[in-house]
Amino acid sequence: MGLVIGAIFYLVEVISTGDLLGTLPFAAVIGAIFWVTSLGERRRRKKHHLPR
């Protein structure tokens, strides 16, 4: 999920600014935040025996 969100963020920023490499670090950070959140949510659901 983080990879998808990061890629969407990157594409939107490239279209709006035209800078191919300048937005890459920001897209990586946004993707990492979503990835870590996803992992935490999976661990929470497993810990509390909740459905996926």
N, C-alpha and C. Protein backbone atom coordinates (compact mmCIF):
# COMPACT_ATOMS: atom_id res chain seq x y z
N MET A 1 0.82 -1.18 0.00
CA MET A 1 0.00 0.00 0.00
C MET A 1 0.87 1.26 0.00
N GLY A 2 1.94 1.22 0.76
CA GLY A 2 2.83 2.37 0.81
C GLY A 2 3.46 2.67 -0.53
N LEU A 3 3.80 1.62 -1.26
CA LEU A 3 4.39 1.80 -2.59
C LEU A 3 3.40 2.45 -3.55
N VAL A 4 2.16 2.05 -3.47
CA VAL A 4 1.13 2.61 -4.35
C VAL A 4 0.90 4.09 -4.02
N ILE A 5 0.78 4.41 -2.74
CA ILE A 5 0.56 5.80 -2.33
C ILE A 5 1.76 6.66 -2.71
N GLY A 6 2.96 6.14 -2.49
CA GLY A 6 4.17 6.87 -2.86
C GLY A 6 4.24 7.13 -4.37
N ALA A 7 3.86 6.13 -5.16
CA ALA A 7 3.88 6.28 -6.62
C ALA A 7 2.85 7.30 -7.08
N ILE A 8 1.67 7.27 -6.49
CA ILE A 8 0.63 8.24 -6.85
C ILE A 8 1.09 9.65 -6.48
N PHE A 9 1.63 9.80 -5.28
CA PHE A 9 2.14 11.11 -4.85
C PHE A 9 3.22 11.60 -5.80
N TYR A 10 4.12 10.71 -6.18
CA TYR A 10 5.21 11.08 -7.09
C TYR A 10 4.66 11.55 -8.44
N LEU A 11 3.73 10.79 -9.01
CA LEU A 11 3.16 11.15 -10.31
C LEU A 11 2.44 12.50 -10.27
N VAL A 12 1.68 12.73 -9.21
CA VAL A 12 0.95 13.99 -9.08
C VAL A 12 1.94 15.15 -8.96
N GLU A 13 2.98 14.99 -8.18
CA GLU A 13 3.96 16.06 -8.01
C GLU A 13 4.77 16.30 -9.27
N VAL A 14 5.12 15.25 -9.99
CA VAL A 14 5.87 15.42 -11.24
C VAL A 14 5.02 16.16 -12.27
N ILE A 15 3.75 15.83 -12.34
CA ILE A 15 2.86 16.51 -13.28
C ILE A 15 2.73 17.98 -12.92
N SER A 16 2.61 18.28 -11.63
CA SER A 16 2.39 19.67 -11.23
C SER A 16 3.67 20.51 -11.27
N THR A 17 4.84 19.92 -10.97
CA THR A 17 6.07 20.70 -10.91
C THR A 17 6.99 20.47 -12.11
N GLY A 18 6.95 19.31 -12.70
CA GLY A 18 7.83 19.00 -13.82
C GLY A 18 9.22 18.57 -13.39
N ASP A 19 9.46 18.45 -12.09
CA ASP A 19 10.77 18.07 -11.56
C ASP A 19 10.77 16.57 -11.27
N LEU A 20 11.57 15.81 -12.04
CA LEU A 20 11.54 14.35 -11.90
C LEU A 20 12.24 13.86 -10.64
N LEU A 21 13.38 14.42 -10.29
CA LEU A 21 14.14 13.90 -9.16
C LEU A 21 13.88 14.64 -7.85
N GLY A 22 13.39 15.86 -7.93
CA GLY A 22 13.17 16.65 -6.72
C GLY A 22 12.08 16.10 -5.83
N THR A 23 11.08 15.48 -6.42
CA THR A 23 9.97 14.96 -5.62
C THR A 23 10.16 13.52 -5.17
N LEU A 24 11.19 12.87 -5.65
CA LEU A 24 11.42 11.47 -5.31
C LEU A 24 11.63 11.25 -3.81
N PRO A 25 12.44 12.05 -3.11
CA PRO A 25 12.59 11.83 -1.67
C PRO A 25 11.28 12.01 -0.91
N PHE A 26 10.49 13.00 -1.31
CA PHE A 26 9.22 13.22 -0.63
C PHE A 26 8.25 12.07 -0.86
N ALA A 27 8.23 11.54 -2.07
CA ALA A 27 7.38 10.39 -2.38
C ALA A 27 7.82 9.17 -1.58
N ALA A 28 9.13 8.99 -1.41
CA ALA A 28 9.64 7.86 -0.62
C ALA A 28 9.23 7.99 0.84
N VAL A 29 9.28 9.20 1.37
CA VAL A 29 8.89 9.41 2.77
C VAL A 29 7.40 9.16 2.96
N ILE A 30 6.58 9.68 2.06
CA ILE A 30 5.13 9.46 2.15
C ILE A 30 4.82 7.96 2.05
N GLY A 31 5.47 7.27 1.13
CA GLY A 31 5.26 5.83 0.99
C GLY A 31 5.69 5.07 2.23
N ALA A 32 6.81 5.47 2.83
CA ALA A 32 7.29 4.81 4.05
C ALA A 32 6.33 5.02 5.20
N ILE A 33 5.77 6.21 5.31
CA ILE A 33 4.80 6.48 6.39
C ILE A 33 3.59 5.57 6.25
N PHE A 34 3.06 5.46 5.04
CA PHE A 34 1.90 4.59 4.83
C PHE A 34 2.26 3.12 5.05
N TRP A 35 3.47 2.73 4.68
CA TRP A 35 3.90 1.34 4.85
C TRP A 35 3.99 1.00 6.34
N VAL A 36 4.60 1.87 7.14
CA VAL A 36 4.74 1.63 8.57
C VAL A 36 3.37 1.61 9.24
N THR A 37 2.48 2.49 8.82
CA THR A 37 1.12 2.50 9.37
C THR A 37 0.40 1.19 9.05
N SER A 38 0.58 0.70 7.84
CA SER A 38 -0.04 -0.56 7.44
C SER A 38 0.48 -1.73 8.27
N LEU A 39 1.79 -1.75 8.49
CA LEU A 39 2.36 -2.83 9.32
C LEU A 39 1.82 -2.77 10.74
N GLY A 40 1.73 -1.58 11.30
CA GLY A 40 1.20 -1.43 12.64
C GLY A 40 -0.25 -1.88 12.74
N GLU A 41 -1.03 -1.57 11.75
CA GLU A 41 -2.44 -1.98 11.74
C GLU A 41 -2.56 -3.50 11.64
N ARG A 42 -1.73 -4.12 10.82
CA ARG A 42 -1.77 -5.60 10.73
C ARG A 42 -1.40 -6.25 12.06
N ARG A 43 -0.38 -5.71 12.72
CA ARG A 43 0.03 -6.25 14.02
C ARG A 43 -1.07 -6.07 15.06
N ARG A 44 -1.75 -4.91 15.04
CA ARG A 44 -2.82 -4.65 15.99
C ARG A 44 -3.98 -5.62 15.78
N ARG A 45 -4.33 -5.83 14.51
CA ARG A 45 -5.44 -6.76 14.23
C ARG A 45 -5.09 -8.19 14.64
N LYS A 46 -3.85 -8.59 14.41
CA LYS A 46 -3.43 -9.94 14.79
C LYS A 46 -3.43 -10.10 16.31
N LYS A 47 -2.97 -9.08 17.00
CA LYS A 47 -2.88 -9.11 18.47
C LYS A 47 -4.27 -9.23 19.10
N HIS A 48 -5.24 -8.54 18.54
CA HIS A 48 -6.60 -8.54 19.11
C HIS A 48 -7.54 -9.52 18.42
N HIS A 49 -6.98 -10.37 17.56
CA HIS A 49 -7.74 -11.40 16.86
C HIS A 49 -8.93 -10.82 16.11
N LEU A 50 -8.70 -9.72 15.39
CA LEU A 50 -9.73 -9.08 14.59
C LEU A 50 -9.66 -9.60 13.16
N PRO A 51 -10.79 -9.56 12.44
CA PRO A 51 -10.74 -10.00 11.03
C PRO A 51 -9.94 -9.04 10.17
N ARG A 52 -9.44 -9.56 9.07
CA ARG A 52 -8.66 -8.73 8.16
C ARG A 52 -9.59 -7.85 7.44
